[in-house]
Amino acid sequence: MLEPNGRRLLTILGKDPAVPGILQPQEMPSAMQALEQAAAYEAAQQQTAMDEAKAKGEPAPVFEAVSLRQRMAPMLDILKRCAAQDASITWGV
């Protein structure tokens, strides 16, 4: 994962990506929920923008080629695997 994308995901999780950190297994359910909520929010915002453009007769807005939902898929997989194994996730170490 590229650094800007990793920083965004850690920020969504309420972690400071600028410093080394750890995500404990007991935090993983809320972390997965936070990612899902952020992806749903992004999708809703994009749908609203498309609907507004259509209503105004304007061209559809252009969004990033890769959505948050796609970018977070590897992180969700890691969270699920680590939660199942009662393992922590660390970064910046």
N, C-alpha and C. Protein backbone atom coordinates (compact mmCIF):
# COMPACT_ATOMS: atom_id res chain seq x y z
N MET A 1 0.85 -1.17 0.00
CA MET A 1 0.00 0.00 0.00
C MET A 1 0.90 1.23 0.00
N LEU A 2 0.54 2.20 -0.81
CA LEU A 2 1.32 3.43 -0.86
C LEU A 2 1.10 4.25 0.40
N GLU A 3 2.11 5.02 0.76
CA GLU A 3 2.07 5.77 2.02
C GLU A 3 0.84 6.66 2.17
N PRO A 4 0.45 7.46 1.17
CA PRO A 4 -0.73 8.32 1.37
C PRO A 4 -2.00 7.50 1.68
N ASN A 5 -2.13 6.36 1.05
CA ASN A 5 -3.31 5.52 1.29
C ASN A 5 -3.25 4.91 2.68
N GLY A 6 -2.10 4.46 3.09
CA GLY A 6 -1.94 3.91 4.43
C GLY A 6 -2.20 4.97 5.49
N ARG A 7 -1.71 6.17 5.25
CA ARG A 7 -1.96 7.27 6.20
C ARG A 7 -3.45 7.54 6.32
N ARG A 8 -4.14 7.55 5.20
CA ARG A 8 -5.59 7.80 5.22
C ARG A 8 -6.31 6.74 6.03
N LEU A 9 -5.96 5.48 5.82
CA LEU A 9 -6.62 4.40 6.55
C LEU A 9 -6.33 4.49 8.05
N LEU A 10 -5.09 4.76 8.41
CA LEU A 10 -4.76 4.88 9.83
C LEU A 10 -5.49 6.06 10.47
N THR A 11 -5.63 7.14 9.72
CA THR A 11 -6.37 8.29 10.23
C THR A 11 -7.83 7.93 10.46
N ILE A 12 -8.42 7.19 9.54
CA ILE A 12 -9.81 6.74 9.71
C ILE A 12 -9.93 5.89 10.98
N LEU A 13 -8.90 5.13 11.27
CA LEU A 13 -8.91 4.27 12.46
C LEU A 13 -8.61 5.06 13.74
N GLY A 14 -8.38 6.35 13.60
CA GLY A 14 -8.10 7.17 14.78
C GLY A 14 -6.67 7.06 15.26
N LYS A 15 -5.78 6.59 14.40
CA LYS A 15 -4.38 6.44 14.75
C LYS A 15 -3.56 7.53 14.08
N ASP A 16 -2.48 7.92 14.71
CA ASP A 16 -1.58 8.92 14.15
C ASP A 16 -0.55 8.21 13.27
N PRO A 17 -0.65 8.38 11.96
CA PRO A 17 0.28 7.67 11.07
C PRO A 17 1.70 8.21 11.12
N ALA A 18 1.89 9.37 11.74
CA ALA A 18 3.22 9.98 11.78
C ALA A 18 4.14 9.36 12.80
N VAL A 19 3.57 8.57 13.70
CA VAL A 19 4.39 7.94 14.75
C VAL A 19 4.17 6.43 14.72
N PRO A 20 5.16 5.67 15.18
CA PRO A 20 4.95 4.22 15.26
C PRO A 20 3.75 3.91 16.14
N GLY A 21 3.04 2.86 15.78
CA GLY A 21 1.85 2.53 16.55
C GLY A 21 1.52 1.06 16.51
N ILE A 22 0.47 0.73 17.25
CA ILE A 22 0.02 -0.65 17.35
C ILE A 22 -1.50 -0.67 17.41
N LEU A 23 -2.07 -1.66 16.79
CA LEU A 23 -3.50 -1.89 16.84
C LEU A 23 -3.70 -3.25 17.50
N GLN A 24 -4.30 -3.23 18.66
CA GLN A 24 -4.49 -4.46 19.44
C GLN A 24 -5.69 -5.24 18.92
N PRO A 25 -5.71 -6.56 19.11
CA PRO A 25 -6.82 -7.38 18.63
C PRO A 25 -8.19 -6.90 19.11
N GLN A 26 -8.28 -6.41 20.34
CA GLN A 26 -9.58 -5.96 20.85
C GLN A 26 -10.08 -4.69 20.14
N GLU A 27 -9.18 -3.97 19.46
CA GLU A 27 -9.55 -2.77 18.72
C GLU A 27 -10.03 -3.08 17.30
N MET A 28 -9.79 -4.28 16.83
CA MET A 28 -10.03 -4.60 15.42
C MET A 28 -11.50 -4.57 15.01
N PRO A 29 -12.44 -5.04 15.82
CA PRO A 29 -13.84 -4.92 15.39
C PRO A 29 -14.26 -3.47 15.16
N SER A 30 -13.87 -2.57 16.05
CA SER A 30 -14.24 -1.16 15.86
C SER A 30 -13.47 -0.56 14.68
N ALA A 31 -12.25 -1.03 14.44
CA ALA A 31 -11.47 -0.56 13.30
C ALA A 31 -12.14 -0.97 11.99
N MET A 32 -12.61 -2.21 11.92
CA MET A 32 -13.30 -2.68 10.71
C MET A 32 -14.58 -1.87 10.50
N GLN A 33 -15.29 -1.60 11.57
CA GLN A 33 -16.52 -0.82 11.48
C GLN A 33 -16.22 0.60 11.01
N ALA A 34 -15.16 1.21 11.50
CA ALA A 34 -14.79 2.56 11.10
C ALA A 34 -14.46 2.62 9.60
N LEU A 35 -13.74 1.62 9.11
CA LEU A 35 -13.43 1.57 7.68
C LEU A 35 -14.69 1.42 6.85
N GLU A 36 -15.58 0.53 7.26
CA GLU A 36 -16.83 0.32 6.53
C GLU A 36 -17.67 1.59 6.51
N GLN A 37 -17.74 2.28 7.63
CA GLN A 37 -18.51 3.52 7.69
C GLN A 37 -17.90 4.60 6.79
N ALA A 38 -16.59 4.69 6.78
CA ALA A 38 -15.92 5.68 5.93
C ALA A 38 -16.16 5.38 4.46
N ALA A 39 -16.12 4.12 4.08
CA ALA A 39 -16.36 3.74 2.68
C ALA A 39 -17.81 4.02 2.29
N ALA A 40 -18.74 3.74 3.20
CA ALA A 40 -20.16 4.01 2.92
C ALA A 40 -20.39 5.51 2.78
N TYR A 41 -19.75 6.29 3.63
CA TYR A 41 -19.87 7.75 3.56
C TYR A 41 -19.33 8.27 2.23
N GLU A 42 -18.16 7.77 1.82
CA GLU A 42 -17.58 8.19 0.55
C GLU A 42 -18.51 7.85 -0.61
N ALA A 43 -19.06 6.64 -0.61
CA ALA A 43 -19.96 6.23 -1.69
C ALA A 43 -21.21 7.10 -1.72
N ALA A 44 -21.75 7.42 -0.55
CA ALA A 44 -22.94 8.27 -0.48
C ALA A 44 -22.63 9.68 -1.00
N GLN A 45 -21.46 10.21 -0.63
CA GLN A 45 -21.07 11.54 -1.10
C GLN A 45 -20.93 11.56 -2.62
N GLN A 46 -20.34 10.51 -3.17
CA GLN A 46 -20.17 10.44 -4.62
C GLN A 46 -21.52 10.33 -5.31
N GLN A 47 -22.42 9.53 -4.76
CA GLN A 47 -23.74 9.38 -5.35
C GLN A 47 -24.50 10.70 -5.32
N THR A 48 -24.39 11.42 -4.22
CA THR A 48 -25.03 12.73 -4.11
C THR A 48 -24.48 13.69 -5.16
N ALA A 49 -23.17 13.69 -5.32
CA ALA A 49 -22.53 14.57 -6.31
C ALA A 49 -22.99 14.21 -7.72
N MET A 50 -23.11 12.92 -8.01
CA MET A 50 -23.57 12.51 -9.34
C MET A 50 -25.03 12.90 -9.56
N ASP A 51 -25.86 12.70 -8.53
CA ASP A 51 -27.28 13.07 -8.64
C ASP A 51 -27.46 14.56 -8.84
N GLU A 52 -26.68 15.36 -8.11
CA GLU A 52 -26.76 16.82 -8.25
C GLU A 52 -26.32 17.27 -9.64
N ALA A 53 -25.26 16.68 -10.14
CA ALA A 53 -24.78 17.04 -11.48
C ALA A 53 -25.83 16.67 -12.52
N LYS A 54 -26.42 15.52 -12.39
CA LYS A 54 -27.45 15.08 -13.34
C LYS A 54 -28.65 16.01 -13.29
N ALA A 55 -29.07 16.39 -12.08
CA ALA A 55 -30.23 17.28 -11.93
C ALA A 55 -29.97 18.66 -12.55
N LYS A 56 -28.72 19.10 -12.53
CA LYS A 56 -28.36 20.40 -13.10
C LYS A 56 -28.00 20.30 -14.58
N GLY A 57 -27.99 19.08 -15.12
CA GLY A 57 -27.62 18.89 -16.52
C GLY A 57 -26.14 19.06 -16.77
N GLU A 58 -25.34 18.88 -15.73
CA GLU A 58 -23.89 19.01 -15.84
C GLU A 58 -23.26 17.64 -16.06
N PRO A 59 -22.03 17.62 -16.55
CA PRO A 59 -21.34 16.34 -16.70
C PRO A 59 -21.12 15.69 -15.33
N ALA A 60 -21.07 14.40 -15.34
CA ALA A 60 -20.84 13.66 -14.09
C ALA A 60 -19.47 14.02 -13.53
N PRO A 61 -19.37 14.15 -12.22
CA PRO A 61 -18.07 14.44 -11.61
C PRO A 61 -17.11 13.26 -11.78
N VAL A 62 -15.84 13.57 -11.74
CA VAL A 62 -14.81 12.54 -11.87
C VAL A 62 -14.23 12.29 -10.48
N PHE A 63 -14.18 11.03 -10.10
CA PHE A 63 -13.65 10.65 -8.80
C PHE A 63 -12.35 9.88 -9.00
N GLU A 64 -11.65 9.63 -7.89
CA GLU A 64 -10.43 8.83 -7.98
C GLU A 64 -10.75 7.49 -8.63
N ALA A 65 -9.82 6.98 -9.39
CA ALA A 65 -10.04 5.72 -10.09
C ALA A 65 -10.22 4.55 -9.13
N VAL A 66 -9.59 4.63 -7.97
CA VAL A 66 -9.68 3.56 -6.98
C VAL A 66 -10.40 4.12 -5.76
N SER A 67 -11.51 3.51 -5.42
CA SER A 67 -12.32 4.00 -4.30
C SER A 67 -11.71 3.60 -2.96
N LEU A 68 -12.20 4.24 -1.92
CA LEU A 68 -11.77 3.89 -0.57
C LEU A 68 -12.09 2.43 -0.28
N ARG A 69 -13.26 1.97 -0.71
CA ARG A 69 -13.64 0.57 -0.47
C ARG A 69 -12.61 -0.38 -1.08
N GLN A 70 -12.13 -0.07 -2.27
CA GLN A 70 -11.11 -0.91 -2.90
C GLN A 70 -9.78 -0.81 -2.17
N ARG A 71 -9.41 0.40 -1.77
CA ARG A 71 -8.12 0.59 -1.08
C ARG A 71 -8.10 -0.07 0.29
N MET A 72 -9.26 -0.12 0.94
CA MET A 72 -9.29 -0.66 2.30
C MET A 72 -9.41 -2.18 2.32
N ALA A 73 -9.69 -2.80 1.20
CA ALA A 73 -9.88 -4.26 1.17
C ALA A 73 -8.68 -5.02 1.76
N PRO A 74 -7.44 -4.69 1.39
CA PRO A 74 -6.32 -5.41 2.00
C PRO A 74 -6.23 -5.20 3.52
N MET A 75 -6.54 -3.98 3.96
CA MET A 75 -6.50 -3.69 5.39
C MET A 75 -7.58 -4.48 6.13
N LEU A 76 -8.77 -4.57 5.56
CA LEU A 76 -9.83 -5.37 6.18
C LEU A 76 -9.42 -6.83 6.29
N ASP A 77 -8.77 -7.32 5.25
CA ASP A 77 -8.31 -8.71 5.27
C ASP A 77 -7.29 -8.91 6.40
N ILE A 78 -6.36 -7.98 6.51
CA ILE A 78 -5.35 -8.07 7.58
C ILE A 78 -6.02 -8.01 8.95
N LEU A 79 -6.96 -7.08 9.10
CA LEU A 79 -7.66 -6.96 10.39
C LEU A 79 -8.38 -8.26 10.76
N LYS A 80 -9.06 -8.85 9.79
CA LYS A 80 -9.79 -10.10 10.05
C LYS A 80 -8.83 -11.23 10.42
N ARG A 81 -7.73 -11.34 9.68
CA ARG A 81 -6.76 -12.40 9.96
C ARG A 81 -6.10 -12.22 11.33
N CYS A 82 -5.72 -11.00 11.64
CA CYS A 82 -5.07 -10.73 12.92
C CYS A 82 -6.05 -10.92 14.08
N ALA A 83 -7.28 -10.50 13.90
CA ALA A 83 -8.28 -10.70 14.95
C ALA A 83 -8.50 -12.18 15.21
N ALA A 84 -8.55 -12.98 14.15
CA ALA A 84 -8.75 -14.42 14.30
C ALA A 84 -7.58 -15.09 15.00
N GLN A 85 -6.38 -14.54 14.84
CA GLN A 85 -5.18 -15.12 15.45
C GLN A 85 -4.78 -14.39 16.73
N ASP A 86 -5.59 -13.44 17.16
CA ASP A 86 -5.30 -12.65 18.36
C ASP A 86 -3.92 -12.00 18.25
N ALA A 87 -3.63 -11.44 17.05
CA ALA A 87 -2.33 -10.82 16.80
C ALA A 87 -2.50 -9.32 16.61
N SER A 88 -1.50 -8.57 16.99
CA SER A 88 -1.49 -7.12 16.84
C SER A 88 -0.98 -6.73 15.48
N ILE A 89 -1.28 -5.49 15.08
CA ILE A 89 -0.75 -4.90 13.85
C ILE A 89 0.09 -3.70 14.29
N THR A 90 1.30 -3.62 13.77
CA THR A 90 2.17 -2.48 14.09
C THR A 90 2.57 -1.77 12.81
N TRP A 91 2.94 -0.51 12.93
CA TRP A 91 3.44 0.26 11.80
C TRP A 91 4.49 1.24 12.29
N GLY A 92 5.35 1.62 11.35
CA GLY A 92 6.37 2.60 11.66
C GLY A 92 7.47 2.09 12.57
N VAL A 93 7.58 0.80 12.73
CA VAL A 93 8.57 0.24 13.65
C VAL A 93 9.78 -0.22 12.87
